[in-house]
Amino acid sequence: ASASEKGTVIRVFSIPGGQKLYEFR
């Protein structure tokens, strides 16, 4: 899971492929 400094979106990626699985806004 990752978030940026803007802080409005959390994204979840599969490992090790890096495909986006979910987005929480």
mmCIF file of all heavy atoms, coordinates in Angstrom:
data_MODEL
# 
_entry.id   MODEL 
# 
loop_
_atom_site.group_PDB 
_atom_site.id 
_atom_site.type_symbol 
_atom_site.label_atom_id 
_atom_site.label_alt_id 
_atom_site.label_comp_id 
_atom_site.label_asym_id 
_atom_site.label_entity_id 
_atom_site.label_seq_id 
_atom_site.pdbx_PDB_ins_code 
_atom_site.Cartn_x 
_atom_site.Cartn_y 
_atom_site.Cartn_z 
_atom_site.occupancy 
_atom_site.B_iso_or_equiv 
_atom_site.pdbx_formal_charge 
_atom_site.auth_seq_id 
_atom_site.auth_comp_id 
_atom_site.auth_asym_id 
_atom_site.auth_atom_id 
_atom_site.pdbx_PDB_model_num 
ATOM 1   N N   . ALA A 1 1  ? 0.849   -1.193  0.000   1.00 0.00 ? 1  ALA A N   1 
ATOM 2   C CA  . ALA A 1 1  ? 0.000   0.000   0.000   1.00 0.00 ? 1  ALA A CA  1 
ATOM 3   C C   . ALA A 1 1  ? 0.883   1.241   0.000   1.00 0.00 ? 1  ALA A C   1 
ATOM 4   O O   . ALA A 1 1  ? 1.965   1.254   0.606   1.00 0.00 ? 1  ALA A O   1 
ATOM 5   C CB  . ALA A 1 1  ? -0.914  0.011   1.226   1.00 0.00 ? 1  ALA A CB  1 
ATOM 6   N N   . SER A 1 2  ? 0.409   2.278   -0.684  1.00 0.00 ? 2  SER A N   1 
ATOM 7   C CA  . SER A 1 2  ? 1.189   3.519   -0.760  1.00 0.00 ? 2  SER A CA  1 
ATOM 8   C C   . SER A 1 2  ? 0.268   4.730   -0.698  1.00 0.00 ? 2  SER A C   1 
ATOM 9   O O   . SER A 1 2  ? -0.912  4.662   -1.035  1.00 0.00 ? 2  SER A O   1 
ATOM 10  C CB  . SER A 1 2  ? 2.001   3.561   -2.060  1.00 0.00 ? 2  SER A CB  1 
ATOM 11  O OG  . SER A 1 2  ? 1.141   3.654   -3.180  1.00 0.00 ? 2  SER A OG  1 
ATOM 12  N N   . ALA A 1 3  ? 0.853   5.849   -0.249  1.00 0.00 ? 3  ALA A N   1 
ATOM 13  C CA  . ALA A 1 3  ? 0.150   7.136   -0.249  1.00 0.00 ? 3  ALA A CA  1 
ATOM 14  C C   . ALA A 1 3  ? 1.164   8.213   -0.579  1.00 0.00 ? 3  ALA A C   1 
ATOM 15  O O   . ALA A 1 3  ? 2.357   8.076   -0.295  1.00 0.00 ? 3  ALA A O   1 
ATOM 16  C CB  . ALA A 1 3  ? -0.506  7.413   1.107   1.00 0.00 ? 3  ALA A CB  1 
ATOM 17  N N   . SER A 1 4  ? 0.691   9.300   -1.197  1.00 0.00 ? 4  SER A N   1 
ATOM 18  C CA  . SER A 1 4  ? 1.579   10.405  -1.546  1.00 0.00 ? 4  SER A CA  1 
ATOM 19  C C   . SER A 1 4  ? 1.446   11.517  -0.522  1.00 0.00 ? 4  SER A C   1 
ATOM 20  O O   . SER A 1 4  ? 0.623   11.454  0.397   1.00 0.00 ? 4  SER A O   1 
ATOM 21  C CB  . SER A 1 4  ? 1.253   10.932  -2.944  1.00 0.00 ? 4  SER A CB  1 
ATOM 22  O OG  . SER A 1 4  ? 0.004   11.618  -2.923  1.00 0.00 ? 4  SER A OG  1 
ATOM 23  N N   . GLU A 1 5  ? 2.256   12.556  -0.684  1.00 0.00 ? 5  GLU A N   1 
ATOM 24  C CA  . GLU A 1 5  ? 2.203   13.688  0.245   1.00 0.00 ? 5  GLU A CA  1 
ATOM 25  C C   . GLU A 1 5  ? 0.855   14.404  0.182   1.00 0.00 ? 5  GLU A C   1 
ATOM 26  O O   . GLU A 1 5  ? 0.437   15.037  1.152   1.00 0.00 ? 5  GLU A O   1 
ATOM 27  C CB  . GLU A 1 5  ? 3.337   14.671  -0.066  1.00 0.00 ? 5  GLU A CB  1 
ATOM 28  C CG  . GLU A 1 5  ? 4.717   14.117  0.289   1.00 0.00 ? 5  GLU A CG  1 
ATOM 29  C CD  . GLU A 1 5  ? 5.839   15.083  -0.041  1.00 0.00 ? 5  GLU A CD  1 
ATOM 30  O OE1 . GLU A 1 5  ? 5.554   16.134  -0.668  1.00 0.00 ? 5  GLU A OE1 1 
ATOM 31  O OE2 . GLU A 1 5  ? 6.994   14.799  0.319   1.00 0.00 ? 5  GLU A OE2 1 
ATOM 32  N N   . LYS A 1 6  ? 0.174   14.305  -0.942  1.00 0.00 ? 6  LYS A N   1 
ATOM 33  C CA  . LYS A 1 6  ? -1.155  14.918  -1.055  1.00 0.00 ? 6  LYS A CA  1 
ATOM 34  C C   . LYS A 1 6  ? -2.125  14.273  -0.070  1.00 0.00 ? 6  LYS A C   1 
ATOM 35  O O   . LYS A 1 6  ? -2.993  14.929  0.507   1.00 0.00 ? 6  LYS A O   1 
ATOM 36  C CB  . LYS A 1 6  ? -1.667  14.784  -2.489  1.00 0.00 ? 6  LYS A CB  1 
ATOM 37  C CG  . LYS A 1 6  ? -2.915  15.588  -2.782  1.00 0.00 ? 6  LYS A CG  1 
ATOM 38  C CD  . LYS A 1 6  ? -3.294  15.480  -4.257  1.00 0.00 ? 6  LYS A CD  1 
ATOM 39  C CE  . LYS A 1 6  ? -4.562  16.285  -4.535  1.00 0.00 ? 6  LYS A CE  1 
ATOM 40  N NZ  . LYS A 1 6  ? -4.982  16.153  -5.958  1.00 0.00 ? 6  LYS A NZ  1 
ATOM 41  N N   . GLY A 1 7  ? -1.984  12.961  0.113   1.00 0.00 ? 7  GLY A N   1 
ATOM 42  C CA  . GLY A 1 7  ? -2.697  12.274  1.192   1.00 0.00 ? 7  GLY A CA  1 
ATOM 43  C C   . GLY A 1 7  ? -4.155  11.981  0.965   1.00 0.00 ? 7  GLY A C   1 
ATOM 44  O O   . GLY A 1 7  ? -4.879  11.676  1.907   1.00 0.00 ? 7  GLY A O   1 
ATOM 45  N N   . THR A 1 8  ? -4.635  12.056  -0.265  1.00 0.00 ? 8  THR A N   1 
ATOM 46  C CA  . THR A 1 8  ? -6.063  11.818  -0.501  1.00 0.00 ? 8  THR A CA  1 
ATOM 47  C C   . THR A 1 8  ? -6.342  10.417  -1.050  1.00 0.00 ? 8  THR A C   1 
ATOM 48  O O   . THR A 1 8  ? -7.488  9.977   -1.040  1.00 0.00 ? 8  THR A O   1 
ATOM 49  C CB  . THR A 1 8  ? -6.630  12.853  -1.491  1.00 0.00 ? 8  THR A CB  1 
ATOM 50  O OG1 . THR A 1 8  ? -5.840  12.834  -2.688  1.00 0.00 ? 8  THR A OG1 1 
ATOM 51  C CG2 . THR A 1 8  ? -6.587  14.246  -0.887  1.00 0.00 ? 8  THR A CG2 1 
ATOM 52  N N   . VAL A 1 9  ? -5.309  9.723   -1.522  1.00 0.00 ? 9  VAL A N   1 
ATOM 53  C CA  . VAL A 1 9  ? -5.504  8.417   -2.150  1.00 0.00 ? 9  VAL A CA  1 
ATOM 54  C C   . VAL A 1 9  ? -4.525  7.392   -1.580  1.00 0.00 ? 9  VAL A C   1 
ATOM 55  O O   . VAL A 1 9  ? -3.344  7.680   -1.415  1.00 0.00 ? 9  VAL A O   1 
ATOM 56  C CB  . VAL A 1 9  ? -5.315  8.502   -3.686  1.00 0.00 ? 9  VAL A CB  1 
ATOM 57  C CG1 . VAL A 1 9  ? -5.394  7.129   -4.319  1.00 0.00 ? 9  VAL A CG1 1 
ATOM 58  C CG2 . VAL A 1 9  ? -6.371  9.414   -4.306  1.00 0.00 ? 9  VAL A CG2 1 
ATOM 59  N N   . ILE A 1 10 ? -5.040  6.201   -1.268  1.00 0.00 ? 10 ILE A N   1 
ATOM 60  C CA  . ILE A 1 10 ? -4.204  5.055   -0.924  1.00 0.00 ? 10 ILE A CA  1 
ATOM 61  C C   . ILE A 1 10 ? -4.355  4.032   -2.039  1.00 0.00 ? 10 ILE A C   1 
ATOM 62  O O   . ILE A 1 10 ? -5.475  3.668   -2.395  1.00 0.00 ? 10 ILE A O   1 
ATOM 63  C CB  . ILE A 1 10 ? -4.627  4.427   0.416   1.00 0.00 ? 10 ILE A CB  1 
ATOM 64  C CG1 . ILE A 1 10 ? -4.473  5.429   1.560   1.00 0.00 ? 10 ILE A CG1 1 
ATOM 65  C CG2 . ILE A 1 10 ? -3.802  3.164   0.710   1.00 0.00 ? 10 ILE A CG2 1 
ATOM 66  C CD1 . ILE A 1 10 ? -5.135  4.972   2.851   1.00 0.00 ? 10 ILE A CD1 1 
ATOM 67  N N   . ARG A 1 11 ? -3.247  3.583   -2.586  1.00 0.00 ? 11 ARG A N   1 
ATOM 68  C CA  . ARG A 1 11 ? -3.300  2.574   -3.637  1.00 0.00 ? 11 ARG A CA  1 
ATOM 69  C C   . ARG A 1 11 ? -2.617  1.300   -3.157  1.00 0.00 ? 11 ARG A C   1 
ATOM 70  O O   . ARG A 1 11 ? -1.620  1.361   -2.434  1.00 0.00 ? 11 ARG A O   1 
ATOM 71  C CB  . ARG A 1 11 ? -2.647  3.094   -4.925  1.00 0.00 ? 11 ARG A CB  1 
ATOM 72  C CG  . ARG A 1 11 ? -3.424  4.249   -5.544  1.00 0.00 ? 11 ARG A CG  1 
ATOM 73  C CD  . ARG A 1 11 ? -2.954  4.581   -6.951  1.00 0.00 ? 11 ARG A CD  1 
ATOM 74  N NE  . ARG A 1 11 ? -3.855  5.565   -7.565  1.00 0.00 ? 11 ARG A NE  1 
ATOM 75  C CZ  . ARG A 1 11 ? -3.562  6.855   -7.726  1.00 0.00 ? 11 ARG A CZ  1 
ATOM 76  N NH1 . ARG A 1 11 ? -2.374  7.316   -7.368  1.00 0.00 ? 11 ARG A NH1 1 
ATOM 77  N NH2 . ARG A 1 11 ? -4.442  7.678   -8.276  1.00 0.00 ? 11 ARG A NH2 1 
ATOM 78  N N   . VAL A 1 12 ? -3.151  0.149   -3.575  1.00 0.00 ? 12 VAL A N   1 
ATOM 79  C CA  . VAL A 1 12 ? -2.622  -1.154  -3.180  1.00 0.00 ? 12 VAL A CA  1 
ATOM 80  C C   . VAL A 1 12 ? -2.194  -1.906  -4.439  1.00 0.00 ? 12 VAL A C   1 
ATOM 81  O O   . VAL A 1 12 ? -2.964  -2.009  -5.396  1.00 0.00 ? 12 VAL A O   1 
ATOM 82  C CB  . VAL A 1 12 ? -3.667  -1.975  -2.396  1.00 0.00 ? 12 VAL A CB  1 
ATOM 83  C CG1 . VAL A 1 12 ? -3.089  -3.327  -1.994  1.00 0.00 ? 12 VAL A CG1 1 
ATOM 84  C CG2 . VAL A 1 12 ? -4.138  -1.201  -1.167  1.00 0.00 ? 12 VAL A CG2 1 
ATOM 85  N N   . PHE A 1 13 ? -0.957  -2.422  -4.415  1.00 0.00 ? 13 PHE A N   1 
ATOM 86  C CA  . PHE A 1 13 ? -0.381  -3.082  -5.583  1.00 0.00 ? 13 PHE A CA  1 
ATOM 87  C C   . PHE A 1 13 ? -0.017  -4.525  -5.258  1.00 0.00 ? 13 PHE A C   1 
ATOM 88  O O   . PHE A 1 13 ? 0.322   -4.860  -4.113  1.00 0.00 ? 13 PHE A O   1 
ATOM 89  C CB  . PHE A 1 13 ? 0.880   -2.345  -6.047  1.00 0.00 ? 13 PHE A CB  1 
ATOM 90  C CG  . PHE A 1 13 ? 0.637   -0.899  -6.390  1.00 0.00 ? 13 PHE A CG  1 
ATOM 91  C CD1 . PHE A 1 13 ? 0.787   0.086   -5.422  1.00 0.00 ? 13 PHE A CD1 1 
ATOM 92  C CD2 . PHE A 1 13 ? 0.247   -0.531  -7.666  1.00 0.00 ? 13 PHE A CD2 1 
ATOM 93  C CE1 . PHE A 1 13 ? 0.557   1.418   -5.720  1.00 0.00 ? 13 PHE A CE1 1 
ATOM 94  C CE2 . PHE A 1 13 ? 0.016   0.803   -7.984  1.00 0.00 ? 13 PHE A CE2 1 
ATOM 95  C CZ  . PHE A 1 13 ? 0.161   1.775   -7.011  1.00 0.00 ? 13 PHE A CZ  1 
ATOM 96  N N   . SER A 1 14 ? -0.073  -5.385  -6.282  1.00 0.00 ? 14 SER A N   1 
ATOM 97  C CA  . SER A 1 14 ? 0.362   -6.765  -6.119  1.00 0.00 ? 14 SER A CA  1 
ATOM 98  C C   . SER A 1 14 ? 1.887   -6.811  -6.144  1.00 0.00 ? 14 SER A C   1 
ATOM 99  O O   . SER A 1 14 ? 2.534   -6.024  -6.834  1.00 0.00 ? 14 SER A O   1 
ATOM 100 C CB  . SER A 1 14 ? -0.205  -7.647  -7.235  1.00 0.00 ? 14 SER A CB  1 
ATOM 101 O OG  . SER A 1 14 ? 0.347   -7.260  -8.486  1.00 0.00 ? 14 SER A OG  1 
ATOM 102 N N   . ILE A 1 15 ? 2.443   -7.730  -5.386  1.00 0.00 ? 15 ILE A N   1 
ATOM 103 C CA  . ILE A 1 15 ? 3.895   -7.901  -5.310  1.00 0.00 ? 15 ILE A CA  1 
ATOM 104 C C   . ILE A 1 15 ? 4.240   -9.332  -5.699  1.00 0.00 ? 15 ILE A C   1 
ATOM 105 O O   . ILE A 1 15 ? 3.592   -10.265 -5.216  1.00 0.00 ? 15 ILE A O   1 
ATOM 106 C CB  . ILE A 1 15 ? 4.401   -7.589  -3.874  1.00 0.00 ? 15 ILE A CB  1 
ATOM 107 C CG1 . ILE A 1 15 ? 4.045   -6.152  -3.484  1.00 0.00 ? 15 ILE A CG1 1 
ATOM 108 C CG2 . ILE A 1 15 ? 5.898   -7.829  -3.753  1.00 0.00 ? 15 ILE A CG2 1 
ATOM 109 C CD1 . ILE A 1 15 ? 4.650   -5.081  -4.376  1.00 0.00 ? 15 ILE A CD1 1 
ATOM 110 N N   . PRO A 1 16 ? 5.212   -9.547  -6.588  1.00 0.00 ? 16 PRO A N   1 
ATOM 111 C CA  . PRO A 1 16 ? 6.191   -8.580  -7.112  1.00 0.00 ? 16 PRO A CA  1 
ATOM 112 C C   . PRO A 1 16 ? 5.834   -7.928  -8.448  1.00 0.00 ? 16 PRO A C   1 
ATOM 113 O O   . PRO A 1 16 ? 6.643   -7.170  -8.972  1.00 0.00 ? 16 PRO A O   1 
ATOM 114 C CB  . PRO A 1 16 ? 7.434   -9.467  -7.299  1.00 0.00 ? 16 PRO A CB  1 
ATOM 115 C CG  . PRO A 1 16 ? 6.870   -10.797 -7.691  1.00 0.00 ? 16 PRO A CG  1 
ATOM 116 C CD  . PRO A 1 16 ? 5.568   -10.934 -6.936  1.00 0.00 ? 16 PRO A CD  1 
ATOM 117 N N   . GLY A 1 17 ? 4.658   -8.186  -8.996  1.00 0.00 ? 17 GLY A N   1 
ATOM 118 C CA  . GLY A 1 17 ? 4.336   -7.674  -10.327 1.00 0.00 ? 17 GLY A CA  1 
ATOM 119 C C   . GLY A 1 17 ? 4.101   -6.176  -10.383 1.00 0.00 ? 17 GLY A C   1 
ATOM 120 O O   . GLY A 1 17 ? 4.382   -5.536  -11.389 1.00 0.00 ? 17 GLY A O   1 
ATOM 121 N N   . GLY A 1 18 ? 3.557   -5.609  -9.306  1.00 0.00 ? 18 GLY A N   1 
ATOM 122 C CA  . GLY A 1 18 ? 3.315   -4.175  -9.273  1.00 0.00 ? 18 GLY A CA  1 
ATOM 123 C C   . GLY A 1 18 ? 2.012   -3.726  -9.896  1.00 0.00 ? 18 GLY A C   1 
ATOM 124 O O   . GLY A 1 18 ? 1.809   -2.529  -10.124 1.00 0.00 ? 18 GLY A O   1 
ATOM 125 N N   . GLN A 1 19 ? 1.077   -4.667  -10.164 1.00 0.00 ? 19 GLN A N   1 
ATOM 126 C CA  . GLN A 1 19 ? -0.213  -4.268  -10.727 1.00 0.00 ? 19 GLN A CA  1 
ATOM 127 C C   . GLN A 1 19 ? -1.095  -3.628  -9.644  1.00 0.00 ? 19 GLN A C   1 
ATOM 128 O O   . GLN A 1 19 ? -1.111  -4.079  -8.510  1.00 0.00 ? 19 GLN A O   1 
ATOM 129 C CB  . GLN A 1 19 ? -0.955  -5.485  -11.312 1.00 0.00 ? 19 GLN A CB  1 
ATOM 130 C CG  . GLN A 1 19 ? -0.290  -6.089  -12.539 1.00 0.00 ? 19 GLN A CG  1 
ATOM 131 C CD  . GLN A 1 19 ? 0.766   -7.123  -12.176 1.00 0.00 ? 19 GLN A CD  1 
ATOM 132 O OE1 . GLN A 1 19 ? 0.947   -7.440  -11.014 1.00 0.00 ? 19 GLN A OE1 1 
ATOM 133 N NE2 . GLN A 1 19 ? 1.462   -7.637  -13.167 1.00 0.00 ? 19 GLN A NE2 1 
ATOM 134 N N   . LYS A 1 20 ? -1.822  -2.584  -10.046 1.00 0.00 ? 20 LYS A N   1 
ATOM 135 C CA  . LYS A 1 20 ? -2.709  -1.917  -9.084  1.00 0.00 ? 20 LYS A CA  1 
ATOM 136 C C   . LYS A 1 20 ? -3.935  -2.792  -8.832  1.00 0.00 ? 20 LYS A C   1 
ATOM 137 O O   . LYS A 1 20 ? -4.618  -3.213  -9.762  1.00 0.00 ? 20 LYS A O   1 
ATOM 138 C CB  . LYS A 1 20 ? -3.145  -0.543  -9.591  1.00 0.00 ? 20 LYS A CB  1 
ATOM 139 C CG  . LYS A 1 20 ? -3.905  0.260   -8.533  1.00 0.00 ? 20 LYS A CG  1 
ATOM 140 C CD  . LYS A 1 20 ? -4.224  1.673   -8.988  1.00 0.00 ? 20 LYS A CD  1 
ATOM 141 C CE  . LYS A 1 20 ? -5.411  1.695   -9.926  1.00 0.00 ? 20 LYS A CE  1 
ATOM 142 N NZ  . LYS A 1 20 ? -5.901  3.077   -10.164 1.00 0.00 ? 20 LYS A NZ  1 
ATOM 143 N N   . LEU A 1 21 ? -4.203  -3.079  -7.549  1.00 0.00 ? 21 LEU A N   1 
ATOM 144 C CA  . LEU A 1 21 ? -5.331  -3.920  -7.167  1.00 0.00 ? 21 LEU A CA  1 
ATOM 145 C C   . LEU A 1 21 ? -6.512  -3.100  -6.663  1.00 0.00 ? 21 LEU A C   1 
ATOM 146 O O   . LEU A 1 21 ? -7.662  -3.378  -6.993  1.00 0.00 ? 21 LEU A O   1 
ATOM 147 C CB  . LEU A 1 21 ? -4.897  -4.905  -6.072  1.00 0.00 ? 21 LEU A CB  1 
ATOM 148 C CG  . LEU A 1 21 ? -3.774  -5.883  -6.425  1.00 0.00 ? 21 LEU A CG  1 
ATOM 149 C CD1 . LEU A 1 21 ? -3.386  -6.687  -5.191  1.00 0.00 ? 21 LEU A CD1 1 
ATOM 150 C CD2 . LEU A 1 21 ? -4.209  -6.802  -7.560  1.00 0.00 ? 21 LEU A CD2 1 
ATOM 151 N N   . TYR A 1 22 ? -6.219  -2.103  -5.830  1.00 0.00 ? 22 TYR A N   1 
ATOM 152 C CA  . TYR A 1 22 ? -7.282  -1.306  -5.203  1.00 0.00 ? 22 TYR A CA  1 
ATOM 153 C C   . TYR A 1 22 ? -6.861  0.151   -5.130  1.00 0.00 ? 22 TYR A C   1 
ATOM 154 O O   . TYR A 1 22 ? -5.676  0.478   -5.131  1.00 0.00 ? 22 TYR A O   1 
ATOM 155 C CB  . TYR A 1 22 ? -7.578  -1.789  -3.769  1.00 0.00 ? 22 TYR A CB  1 
ATOM 156 C CG  . TYR A 1 22 ? -7.801  -3.266  -3.636  1.00 0.00 ? 22 TYR A CG  1 
ATOM 157 C CD1 . TYR A 1 22 ? -6.793  -4.091  -3.134  1.00 0.00 ? 22 TYR A CD1 1 
ATOM 158 C CD2 . TYR A 1 22 ? -9.014  -3.857  -4.005  1.00 0.00 ? 22 TYR A CD2 1 
ATOM 159 C CE1 . TYR A 1 22 ? -6.977  -5.457  -3.007  1.00 0.00 ? 22 TYR A CE1 1 
ATOM 160 C CE2 . TYR A 1 22 ? -9.209  -5.213  -3.873  1.00 0.00 ? 22 TYR A CE2 1 
ATOM 161 C CZ  . TYR A 1 22 ? -8.183  -6.009  -3.377  1.00 0.00 ? 22 TYR A CZ  1 
ATOM 162 O OH  . TYR A 1 22 ? -8.385  -7.362  -3.265  1.00 0.00 ? 22 TYR A OH  1 
ATOM 163 N N   . GLU A 1 23 ? -7.887  1.005   -5.031  1.00 0.00 ? 23 GLU A N   1 
ATOM 164 C CA  . GLU A 1 23 ? -7.650  2.426   -4.800  1.00 0.00 ? 23 GLU A CA  1 
ATOM 165 C C   . GLU A 1 23 ? -8.671  2.928   -3.799  1.00 0.00 ? 23 GLU A C   1 
ATOM 166 O O   . GLU A 1 23 ? -9.875  2.709   -3.972  1.00 0.00 ? 23 GLU A O   1 
ATOM 167 C CB  . GLU A 1 23 ? -7.745  3.218   -6.107  1.00 0.00 ? 23 GLU A CB  1 
ATOM 168 C CG  . GLU A 1 23 ? -7.471  4.701   -5.951  1.00 0.00 ? 23 GLU A CG  1 
ATOM 169 C CD  . GLU A 1 23 ? -7.381  5.413   -7.286  1.00 0.00 ? 23 GLU A CD  1 
ATOM 170 O OE1 . GLU A 1 23 ? -6.477  5.101   -8.076  1.00 0.00 ? 23 GLU A OE1 1 
ATOM 171 O OE2 . GLU A 1 23 ? -8.253  6.278   -7.537  1.00 0.00 ? 23 GLU A OE2 1 
ATOM 172 N N   . PHE A 1 24 ? -8.200  3.560   -2.754  1.00 0.00 ? 24 PHE A N   1 
ATOM 173 C CA  . PHE A 1 24 ? -9.080  4.111   -1.716  1.00 0.00 ? 24 PHE A CA  1 
ATOM 174 C C   . PHE A 1 24 ? -8.908  5.625   -1.703  1.00 0.00 ? 24 PHE A C   1 
ATOM 175 O O   . PHE A 1 24 ? -7.792  6.130   -1.571  1.00 0.00 ? 24 PHE A O   1 
ATOM 176 C CB  . PHE A 1 24 ? -8.732  3.527   -0.343  1.00 0.00 ? 24 PHE A CB  1 
ATOM 177 C CG  . PHE A 1 24 ? -8.829  2.024   -0.303  1.00 0.00 ? 24 PHE A CG  1 
ATOM 178 C CD1 . PHE A 1 24 ? -7.709  1.243   -0.499  1.00 0.00 ? 24 PHE A CD1 1 
ATOM 179 C CD2 . PHE A 1 24 ? -10.043 1.400   -0.076  1.00 0.00 ? 24 PHE A CD2 1 
ATOM 180 C CE1 . PHE A 1 24 ? -7.785  -0.141  -0.473  1.00 0.00 ? 24 PHE A CE1 1 
ATOM 181 C CE2 . PHE A 1 24 ? -10.141 0.019   -0.051  1.00 0.00 ? 24 PHE A CE2 1 
ATOM 182 C CZ  . PHE A 1 24 ? -9.004  -0.755  -0.249  1.00 0.00 ? 24 PHE A CZ  1 
ATOM 183 N N   . ARG A 1 25 ? -10.025 6.333   -1.837  1.00 0.00 ? 25 ARG A N   1 
ATOM 184 C CA  . ARG A 1 25 ? -9.965  7.791   -1.958  1.00 0.00 ? 25 ARG A CA  1 
ATOM 185 C C   . ARG A 1 25 ? -10.692 8.442   -0.781  1.00 0.00 ? 25 ARG A C   1 
ATOM 186 O O   . ARG A 1 25 ? -11.795 8.022   -0.419  1.00 0.00 ? 25 ARG A O   1 
ATOM 187 C CB  . ARG A 1 25 ? -10.607 8.223   -3.274  1.00 0.00 ? 25 ARG A CB  1 
ATOM 188 C CG  . ARG A 1 25 ? -10.415 9.694   -3.614  1.00 0.00 ? 25 ARG A CG  1 
ATOM 189 C CD  . ARG A 1 25 ? -10.964 9.983   -5.003  1.00 0.00 ? 25 ARG A CD  1 
ATOM 190 N NE  . ARG A 1 25 ? -10.256 9.222   -6.039  1.00 0.00 ? 25 ARG A NE  1 
ATOM 191 C CZ  . ARG A 1 25 ? -9.133  9.640   -6.615  1.00 0.00 ? 25 ARG A CZ  1 
ATOM 192 N NH1 . ARG A 1 25 ? -8.589  10.797  -6.269  1.00 0.00 ? 25 ARG A NH1 1 
ATOM 193 N NH2 . ARG A 1 25 ? -8.557  8.907   -7.557  1.00 0.00 ? 25 ARG A NH2 1 
# 
